[in-house]
């Protein structure tokens, strides 16, 4: 075995009584662990920086397709063998594609740590992309695309994104289109895999009942040194620009319910403003449910939600599902509620307490810690030291948060000229 660790840089941080540790190999591969001694679970994830935002024009859905094909067989195991091993040894196993990266993960009882790493690393490192399974997978993904196309919430969401942005990858659906998926072949998959799946573009995260040295040793046994580098795109979040268009109405046959979406982009915020943003979103959700559903009975479902990430930009989405006669009234009511209805200090205090409760339990499981580390390291691009006293810092900020700060943040973000509306209605 090559001596990776001796040439690595090690960083250690302590949060409460549990250790958060990182080893960075000389080729750039990062290994991060968070030990949780109170659980019998261990979770390992491999994160690669090749998400859907990087899909070449005409090949939208490539990263997502690559993720699917990882489970179609490897150099050492057929897909049926992988499935049998997962069923026998693991509690959870899978992958998902985001805009900035793909995550491969597995979870097991800590006594099955060795089997977990062997299955997960094999799938990540040695896919063979068999030609017959590529064609079968195209059919599966076309089904996935069709399923989303028949979902009016999905259609309204992406119609809104295409109003808000002109070039930003938020405009694209990660699974692509039937036409772009059809263009993908084995050569394309091997090319992107060879280019992107290299140590400098890889972060391995272990959480739960895990020893840092054990994960480092297992990684070094499996991942060969490779000095290849990967360039990463930069995108304009377009947060300062008004929507490309203000409104779109799409008619669909055979519907009884319409989906009314409003949304706006969110400018870059500091840490304190991000905490205020969470409270503002909760207050908007309460106001929409109160005004549209509870007071008037217009809708069964209303929502205020936050989407995005710091590299591509964040955005608000306000939604209601209503019968056709209520479309215009509801659209006006969403706009008026979000822009003009006064925020209530009593509701602010309720959600301030609720948010503090959430923070107290937000890192209880290996999955919680994996997702938090991935958000901080990959999406926000921060150093691991940022996680030191992270929850304590957020709770301290929250304890000093004032109602006036949330009101001011609303003035900063919710501007009529930056709101756009997408409606899917019965034809």
Protein backbone atom coordinates (compact mmCIF):
# COMPACT_ATOMS: atom_id res chain seq x y z
CA UNK A 1 0.00 0.00 0.00
CA UNK A 2 1.29 3.46 -0.89
CA UNK A 3 1.96 5.86 1.94
CA UNK A 4 -0.82 8.36 1.36
CA UNK A 5 -1.35 9.51 4.91
CA UNK A 6 2.24 10.50 5.58
CA UNK A 7 1.98 13.03 2.79
CA UNK A 8 -1.41 14.30 3.87
CA UNK A 9 -2.38 17.42 5.72
CA UNK A 10 -4.49 16.71 8.81
CA UNK A 11 -6.90 19.07 10.52
CA UNK A 12 -8.75 18.39 13.72
CA UNK A 13 -11.61 20.21 15.33
CA UNK A 14 -13.64 19.42 18.41
CA UNK A 15 -17.39 19.96 18.68
CA UNK A 16 -18.80 19.10 22.11
CA UNK A 17 -17.26 15.74 23.10
CA UNK A 18 -17.19 14.34 19.56
CA UNK A 19 -14.43 14.71 17.01
CA UNK A 20 -14.72 16.22 13.54
CA UNK A 21 -11.62 15.37 11.53
CA UNK A 22 -10.25 15.78 8.04
CA UNK A 23 -7.38 14.32 6.05
CA UNK A 24 -6.43 15.84 2.69
CA UNK A 25 -4.29 13.61 0.52
CA UNK A 26 -1.51 15.06 -1.62
CA UNK A 27 -3.66 14.51 -4.76
CA UNK A 28 -6.49 16.57 -3.27
CA UNK A 29 -8.87 13.82 -2.16
CA UNK A 30 -10.55 14.86 1.10
CA UNK A 31 -11.65 12.45 3.83
CA UNK A 32 -13.88 13.93 6.54
CA UNK A 33 -15.36 12.14 9.54
CA UNK A 34 -17.72 13.03 12.34
CA UNK A 35 -17.78 10.46 15.13
CA UNK A 36 -21.10 9.92 16.91
CA UNK A 37 -20.40 7.36 19.68
CA UNK A 38 -24.03 7.14 20.82
CA UNK A 39 -25.26 5.47 17.59
CA UNK A 40 -24.69 1.98 16.18
CA UNK A 41 -25.02 3.30 12.61
CA UNK A 42 -22.25 4.30 10.25
CA UNK A 43 -22.77 6.27 7.05
CA UNK A 44 -20.21 6.76 4.28
CA UNK A 45 -20.76 9.02 1.27
CA UNK A 46 -18.67 9.81 -1.76
CA UNK A 47 -19.29 13.26 -3.23
CA UNK A 48 -18.08 14.13 -6.73
CA UNK A 49 -18.19 17.63 -8.20
CA UNK A 50 -19.97 16.85 -11.46
CA UNK A 51 -23.61 17.82 -11.03
CA UNK A 52 -26.27 18.67 -13.58
CA UNK A 53 -25.09 22.29 -13.82
CA UNK A 54 -22.03 21.00 -15.69
CA UNK A 55 -23.98 19.05 -18.33
CA UNK A 56 -22.84 20.13 -21.82
CA UNK A 57 -25.40 21.78 -24.08
CA UNK A 58 -27.35 19.11 -25.91
CA UNK A 59 -26.49 16.52 -23.26
CA UNK A 60 -28.69 17.74 -20.42
CA UNK A 61 -29.22 14.87 -17.99
CA UNK A 62 -25.69 13.47 -18.43
CA UNK A 63 -24.66 13.67 -14.75
CA UNK A 64 -27.96 12.11 -13.71
CA UNK A 65 -27.52 9.32 -16.29
CA UNK A 66 -24.00 8.69 -15.00
CA UNK A 67 -25.36 8.28 -11.48
CA UNK A 68 -27.93 5.72 -12.69
CA UNK A 69 -25.34 3.69 -14.58
CA UNK A 70 -23.09 3.28 -11.54
CA UNK A 71 -25.45 0.54 -10.34
CA UNK A 72 -25.57 -1.33 -13.66
CA UNK A 73 -22.48 -3.41 -12.92
CA UNK A 74 -18.81 -2.90 -12.13
CA UNK A 75 -15.47 -4.37 -13.07
CA UNK A 76 -15.83 -6.83 -10.20
CA UNK A 77 -19.59 -7.39 -9.75
CA UNK A 78 -22.74 -7.64 -11.82
CA UNK A 79 -25.71 -5.51 -10.79
CA UNK A 80 -27.48 -8.55 -9.29
CA UNK A 81 -24.46 -9.24 -7.08
CA UNK A 82 -24.44 -5.64 -5.88
CA UNK A 83 -28.13 -5.82 -5.03
CA UNK A 84 -27.64 -9.06 -3.07
CA UNK A 85 -24.74 -7.60 -1.09
CA UNK A 86 -26.72 -4.44 -0.32
CA UNK A 87 -29.70 -6.50 0.87
CA UNK A 88 -27.48 -8.62 3.09
CA UNK A 89 -25.20 -6.05 4.70
CA UNK A 90 -26.56 -2.49 4.40
CA UNK A 91 -29.41 -0.51 5.93
CA UNK A 92 -29.56 2.05 3.14
CA UNK A 93 -27.81 2.55 -0.19
CA UNK A 94 -28.27 4.88 -3.14
CA UNK A 95 -27.27 8.00 -5.00
CA UNK A 96 -28.72 11.33 -6.08
CA UNK A 97 -27.76 14.08 -8.48
CA UNK A 98 -27.78 17.75 -7.50
CA UNK A 99 -26.80 20.78 -9.53
CA UNK A 100 -23.23 20.92 -8.22
CA UNK A 101 -22.46 17.27 -7.57
CA UNK A 102 -23.47 13.64 -7.33
CA UNK A 103 -23.69 11.84 -3.99
CA UNK A 104 -23.21 8.07 -3.57
CA UNK A 105 -24.00 6.86 -0.06
CA UNK A 106 -24.53 3.84 2.12
CA UNK A 107 -25.47 3.21 5.72
CA UNK A 108 -24.94 0.11 7.84
CA UNK A 109 -24.57 -1.20 11.35
CA UNK A 110 -21.07 -0.15 12.42
CA UNK A 111 -19.88 -3.77 12.51
CA UNK A 112 -20.46 -3.85 8.72
CA UNK A 113 -18.20 -0.87 8.03
CA UNK A 114 -15.84 -2.96 5.87
CA UNK A 115 -18.64 -4.34 3.68
CA UNK A 116 -20.17 -0.86 3.37
CA UNK A 117 -16.94 0.64 2.06
CA UNK A 118 -16.27 -2.23 -0.32
CA UNK A 119 -19.72 -2.05 -1.93
CA UNK A 120 -19.81 1.75 -2.10
CA UNK A 121 -16.27 2.26 -3.41
CA UNK A 122 -16.70 -0.48 -6.02
CA UNK A 123 -19.82 1.21 -7.42
CA UNK A 124 -18.12 4.59 -7.44
CA UNK A 125 -14.75 3.62 -8.90
CA UNK A 126 -15.37 0.77 -11.31
CA UNK A 127 -18.61 1.12 -13.32
CA UNK A 128 -18.34 -0.52 -16.75
CA UNK A 129 -21.36 1.07 -18.49
CA UNK A 130 -22.55 -2.05 -20.36
CA UNK A 131 -24.11 -1.10 -23.69
CA UNK A 132 -27.28 -3.16 -23.33
CA UNK A 133 -28.00 -1.62 -19.94
CA UNK A 134 -27.42 1.89 -21.29
CA UNK A 135 -30.37 1.41 -23.65
CA UNK A 136 -32.55 -0.03 -20.86
CA UNK A 137 -31.61 2.86 -18.59
CA UNK A 138 -32.65 5.36 -21.24
CA UNK A 139 -36.13 3.89 -21.10
CA UNK A 140 -36.16 4.13 -17.29
CA UNK A 141 -35.07 7.77 -17.39
CA UNK A 142 -37.61 8.60 -20.09
CA UNK A 143 -40.22 7.23 -17.66
CA UNK A 144 -38.80 9.47 -14.94
CA UNK A 145 -38.96 12.51 -17.21
CA UNK A 146 -42.53 11.68 -18.25
CA UNK A 147 -43.55 11.25 -14.62
CA UNK A 148 -42.31 14.74 -13.80
CA UNK A 149 -43.82 16.18 -16.98
CA UNK A 150 -47.22 14.95 -15.81
CA UNK A 151 -46.73 16.67 -12.44
CA UNK A 152 -48.13 20.19 -12.65
CA UNK A 153 -46.21 21.38 -9.60
CA UNK A 154 -43.01 20.36 -11.38
CA UNK A 155 -44.11 22.09 -14.58
CA UNK A 156 -45.04 25.28 -12.77
CA UNK A 157 -41.75 25.26 -10.86
CA UNK A 158 -39.57 25.04 -13.97
CA UNK A 159 -41.76 27.46 -15.88
CA UNK A 160 -41.12 29.94 -13.06
CA UNK A 161 -37.38 29.23 -13.16
CA UNK A 162 -37.37 30.02 -16.87
CA UNK A 163 -39.02 33.36 -16.09
CA UNK A 164 -36.55 34.27 -13.36
CA UNK A 165 -33.30 33.39 -15.14
CA UNK A 166 -31.79 33.78 -18.58
CA UNK A 167 -28.73 31.48 -18.44
CA UNK A 168 -28.45 30.13 -14.89
CA UNK A 169 -28.54 26.29 -14.58
CA UNK A 170 -31.58 26.56 -12.30
CA UNK A 171 -33.54 26.71 -15.56
CA UNK A 172 -32.77 23.06 -16.40
CA UNK A 173 -34.29 19.83 -15.09
CA UNK A 174 -31.50 17.53 -13.90
CA UNK A 175 -32.85 14.46 -15.73
CA UNK A 176 -32.72 16.30 -19.07
CA UNK A 177 -35.12 15.77 -21.95
CA UNK A 178 -35.94 12.64 -23.98
CA UNK A 179 -33.92 14.11 -26.85
CA UNK A 180 -30.82 14.90 -24.78
CA UNK A 181 -30.92 11.51 -23.04
CA UNK A 182 -31.09 9.75 -26.41
CA UNK A 183 -27.77 11.35 -27.44
CA UNK A 184 -25.90 9.81 -24.51
CA UNK A 185 -23.78 6.77 -25.36
CA UNK A 186 -21.02 4.77 -23.73
CA UNK A 187 -18.21 6.96 -25.10
CA UNK A 188 -19.85 10.06 -23.63
CA UNK A 189 -20.27 8.37 -20.24
CA UNK A 190 -16.70 7.08 -20.14
CA UNK A 191 -15.41 10.53 -21.16
CA UNK A 192 -17.16 12.45 -18.38
CA UNK A 193 -16.36 9.72 -15.84
CA UNK A 194 -12.65 9.78 -16.70
CA UNK A 195 -12.53 13.58 -16.61
CA UNK A 196 -14.49 14.21 -13.42
CA UNK A 197 -14.14 11.16 -11.20
CA UNK A 198 -10.66 11.98 -9.93
CA UNK A 199 -9.41 12.45 -6.34
CA UNK A 200 -9.10 16.24 -6.54
CA UNK A 201 -12.83 16.37 -7.36
CA UNK A 202 -13.86 13.90 -4.65
CA UNK A 203 -14.84 14.28 -1.00
CA UNK A 204 -15.48 11.21 1.18
CA UNK A 205 -17.58 11.76 4.28
CA UNK A 206 -17.99 9.28 7.13
CA UNK A 207 -20.41 9.89 9.99
CA UNK A 208 -21.74 7.88 12.91
CA UNK A 209 -19.88 5.21 14.86
CA UNK A 210 -16.69 5.50 12.83
CA UNK A 211 -12.96 5.81 13.39
CA UNK A 212 -11.23 8.38 11.21
CA UNK A 213 -8.08 6.29 10.76
CA UNK A 214 -10.13 3.28 9.65
CA UNK A 215 -11.83 5.25 6.87
CA UNK A 216 -8.54 6.83 5.76
CA UNK A 217 -6.95 3.38 5.59
CA UNK A 218 -9.86 1.93 3.61
CA UNK A 219 -9.82 4.85 1.17
CA UNK A 220 -6.08 4.60 0.64
CA UNK A 221 -6.37 0.87 -0.07
CA UNK A 222 -8.96 1.54 -2.77
CA UNK A 223 -8.42 4.98 -4.33
CA UNK A 224 -5.18 5.18 -6.32
CA UNK A 225 -3.21 8.41 -6.36
CA UNK A 226 -4.10 10.57 -9.33
CA UNK A 227 -2.86 14.14 -9.76
CA UNK A 228 -5.46 15.14 -12.40
CA UNK A 229 -7.21 18.46 -11.78
CA UNK A 230 -10.75 19.55 -12.63
CA UNK A 231 -11.87 23.05 -13.54
CA UNK A 232 -15.12 24.28 -12.04
CA UNK A 233 -17.55 26.65 -13.69
CA UNK A 234 -18.61 29.99 -12.31
CA UNK A 235 -22.14 31.21 -12.89
CA UNK A 236 -23.83 34.56 -12.56
CA UNK A 237 -26.70 34.13 -10.10
CA UNK A 238 -28.51 37.00 -11.92
CA UNK A 239 -30.01 38.01 -8.57
CA UNK A 240 -29.83 41.70 -9.42
CA UNK A 241 -31.63 41.34 -12.75
CA UNK A 242 -35.42 41.48 -13.14
CA UNK A 243 -37.17 38.38 -14.52
CA UNK A 244 -36.78 37.62 -18.21
CA UNK A 245 -40.60 37.68 -18.33
CA UNK A 246 -43.14 38.52 -15.66
CA UNK A 247 -45.82 35.90 -16.29
CA UNK A 248 -46.60 32.72 -18.15
CA UNK A 249 -49.86 30.73 -18.33
CA UNK A 250 -49.74 27.14 -19.56
CA UNK A 251 -52.94 25.26 -20.32
CA UNK A 252 -53.14 21.51 -19.76
CA UNK A 253 -56.05 19.25 -20.77
CA UNK A 254 -57.79 16.90 -18.38
CA UNK A 255 -57.08 18.96 -15.25
CA UNK A 256 -59.41 20.11 -12.50
CA UNK A 257 -56.79 21.83 -10.35
CA UNK A 258 -54.60 24.79 -11.31
CA UNK A 259 -51.15 25.50 -9.86
CA UNK A 260 -50.35 29.15 -9.19
CA UNK A 261 -46.68 29.93 -8.54
CA UNK A 262 -45.03 33.22 -7.67
CA UNK A 263 -41.31 33.53 -7.10
CA UNK A 264 -38.33 35.83 -6.86
CA UNK A 265 -34.56 35.56 -6.70
CA UNK A 266 -32.74 36.20 -3.43
CA UNK A 267 -29.55 38.29 -3.38
CA UNK A 268 -26.42 37.09 -1.58
CA UNK A 269 -26.96 37.26 2.19
CA UNK A 270 -24.67 37.24 5.19
CA UNK A 271 -24.91 34.62 7.94
CA UNK A 272 -27.26 36.68 10.09
CA UNK A 273 -29.57 37.43 7.16
CA UNK A 274 -29.71 33.71 6.28
CA UNK A 275 -31.10 32.97 9.73
CA UNK A 276 -33.64 35.74 9.29
CA UNK A 277 -34.53 34.29 5.87
CA UNK A 278 -35.55 30.99 7.45
CA UNK A 279 -37.92 32.83 9.79
CA UNK A 280 -39.31 34.94 6.95
CA UNK A 281 -40.07 31.81 4.94
CA UNK A 282 -41.92 30.28 7.90
CA UNK A 283 -43.94 33.46 8.33
CA UNK A 284 -44.83 33.59 4.64
CA UNK A 285 -45.98 29.96 4.80
CA UNK A 286 -48.21 30.78 7.76
CA UNK A 287 -49.65 33.86 6.04
CA UNK A 288 -50.44 32.06 2.78
CA UNK A 289 -52.12 29.17 4.58
CA UNK A 290 -54.10 31.59 6.74
CA UNK A 291 -55.28 33.89 3.94
CA UNK A 292 -55.84 31.41 1.10
CA UNK A 293 -56.91 28.20 2.83
CA UNK A 294 -58.15 28.96 6.33
CA UNK A 295 -59.95 32.28 5.81
CA UNK A 296 -61.30 31.75 2.29
CA UNK A 297 -61.14 28.02 1.58
CA UNK A 298 -59.68 28.62 -1.88
CA UNK A 299 -57.02 25.90 -1.73
CA UNK A 300 -56.22 22.59 -0.10
CA UNK A 301 -52.47 23.17 -0.50
CA UNK A 302 -50.38 26.33 -0.09
CA UNK A 303 -46.66 26.70 0.32
CA UNK A 304 -43.74 29.04 0.79
CA UNK A 305 -40.39 27.41 0.05
CA UNK A 306 -36.70 28.21 -0.43
CA UNK A 307 -34.63 26.64 -3.20
CA UNK A 308 -31.14 26.95 -4.62
CA UNK A 309 -27.60 27.13 -3.31
CA UNK A 310 -25.01 29.81 -2.70
CA UNK A 311 -23.07 29.20 -5.95
CA UNK A 312 -26.07 29.41 -8.31
CA UNK A 313 -28.28 31.65 -6.20
CA UNK A 314 -31.34 31.12 -4.00
CA UNK A 315 -34.97 31.86 -4.70
CA UNK A 316 -38.39 31.98 -3.07
CA UNK A 317 -41.38 30.05 -4.38
CA UNK A 318 -44.98 30.76 -3.28
CA UNK A 319 -47.60 28.25 -4.38
CA UNK A 320 -51.29 27.41 -4.20
CA UNK A 321 -53.35 24.68 -5.89
CA UNK A 322 -56.87 25.90 -6.66
CA UNK A 323 -59.93 25.22 -8.80
CA UNK A 324 -60.17 27.08 -12.11
CA UNK A 325 -62.68 29.78 -10.97
CA UNK A 326 -60.25 30.87 -8.21
CA UNK A 327 -57.10 31.25 -10.32
CA UNK A 328 -57.09 35.04 -10.70
CA UNK A 329 -58.26 35.74 -7.16
CA UNK A 330 -55.61 33.42 -5.75
CA UNK A 331 -52.82 34.88 -7.88
CA UNK A 332 -53.73 38.37 -6.69
CA UNK A 333 -53.94 37.16 -3.09
CA UNK A 334 -50.51 35.51 -3.18
CA UNK A 335 -48.99 38.70 -4.58
CA UNK A 336 -50.73 40.92 -2.04
CA UNK A 337 -49.92 38.65 0.92
CA UNK A 338 -46.24 38.41 0.07
CA UNK A 339 -45.76 42.06 -0.86
CA UNK A 340 -48.16 44.02 1.29
CA UNK A 341 -49.66 42.14 4.24
CA UNK A 342 -47.97 43.16 7.50
CA UNK A 343 -45.78 40.66 9.28
CA UNK A 344 -46.87 39.87 12.84
CA UNK A 345 -44.45 40.04 15.75
CA UNK A 346 -46.38 37.30 17.60
CA UNK A 347 -45.86 34.89 14.69
CA UNK A 348 -42.20 35.88 14.52
CA UNK A 349 -41.74 34.89 18.18
CA UNK A 350 -43.49 31.54 17.61
CA UNK A 351 -41.23 30.60 14.71
CA UNK A 352 -38.14 31.90 16.46
CA UNK A 353 -38.79 29.35 19.22
CA UNK A 354 -39.61 26.67 16.66
CA UNK A 355 -36.37 27.30 14.76
CA UNK A 356 -34.34 27.03 17.96
CA UNK A 357 -36.01 23.69 18.70
CA UNK A 358 -35.14 22.51 15.20
CA UNK A 359 -31.49 23.50 15.60
CA UNK A 360 -31.24 21.54 18.86
CA UNK A 361 -32.17 18.27 17.12
CA UNK A 362 -30.81 18.97 13.64
CA UNK A 363 -27.62 16.89 13.99
CA UNK A 364 -28.75 13.80 15.84
CA UNK A 365 -28.17 11.21 13.11
CA UNK A 366 -25.33 10.19 10.77
CA UNK A 367 -27.44 11.39 7.84
CA UNK A 368 -27.93 14.81 9.46
CA UNK A 369 -24.18 15.23 9.84
CA UNK A 370 -23.41 13.98 6.35
CA UNK A 371 -25.83 16.48 4.80
CA UNK A 372 -24.57 19.35 6.96
CA UNK A 373 -20.92 18.68 6.07
CA UNK A 374 -21.80 18.35 2.38
CA UNK A 375 -23.73 21.64 2.43
CA UNK A 376 -20.89 23.53 4.11
CA UNK A 377 -17.98 21.98 2.20
CA UNK A 378 -19.42 21.44 -1.27
CA UNK A 379 -22.32 23.84 -1.77
CA UNK A 380 -20.94 26.76 0.24
CA UNK A 381 -17.28 25.99 -0.52
CA UNK A 382 -16.17 26.71 3.04
CA UNK A 383 -13.31 25.25 5.03
CA UNK A 384 -14.22 22.62 7.60
CA UNK A 385 -13.26 24.99 10.42
CA UNK A 386 -16.50 26.85 9.70
CA UNK A 387 -18.34 23.96 11.34
CA UNK A 388 -16.63 24.57 14.66
CA UNK A 389 -19.35 25.68 17.06
CA UNK A 390 -21.69 25.95 14.04
CA UNK A 391 -24.92 25.16 15.88
CA UNK A 392 -23.99 27.22 18.91
CA UNK A 393 -23.23 30.16 16.63
CA UNK A 394 -26.54 29.84 14.79
CA UNK A 395 -28.48 29.62 18.06
CA UNK A 396 -26.67 32.66 19.40
CA UNK A 397 -27.52 34.64 16.26
CA UNK A 398 -31.11 33.48 16.51
CA UNK A 399 -31.41 34.46 20.18
CA UNK A 400 -30.52 38.05 19.27
CA UNK A 401 -32.62 38.18 16.11
CA UNK A 402 -35.20 40.96 16.13
CA UNK A 403 -38.55 41.26 14.43
CA UNK A 404 -37.34 44.47 12.76
CA UNK A 405 -34.49 42.57 11.06
CA UNK A 406 -36.96 40.18 9.41
CA UNK A 407 -39.15 43.07 8.31
CA UNK A 408 -36.12 44.79 6.77
CA UNK A 409 -35.05 41.60 5.01
CA UNK A 410 -38.50 41.35 3.46
CA UNK A 411 -38.12 44.88 2.09
CA UNK A 412 -34.74 43.92 0.65
CA UNK A 413 -35.91 40.76 -1.11
CA UNK A 414 -39.58 41.12 -1.98
CA UNK A 415 -39.73 43.79 -4.65
CA UNK A 416 -42.66 43.79 -7.10
CA UNK A 417 -40.40 44.28 -10.11
CA UNK A 418 -38.52 41.07 -9.23
CA UNK A 419 -41.57 38.82 -8.78
CA UNK A 420 -42.67 36.48 -11.55
CA UNK A 421 -45.76 34.29 -11.90
CA UNK A 422 -46.24 30.89 -13.57
CA UNK A 423 -49.67 29.26 -13.78
CA UNK A 424 -50.60 25.78 -14.96
CA UNK A 425 -54.35 25.71 -15.53
CA UNK A 426 -56.99 23.43 -17.06
CA UNK A 427 -57.56 24.03 -20.76
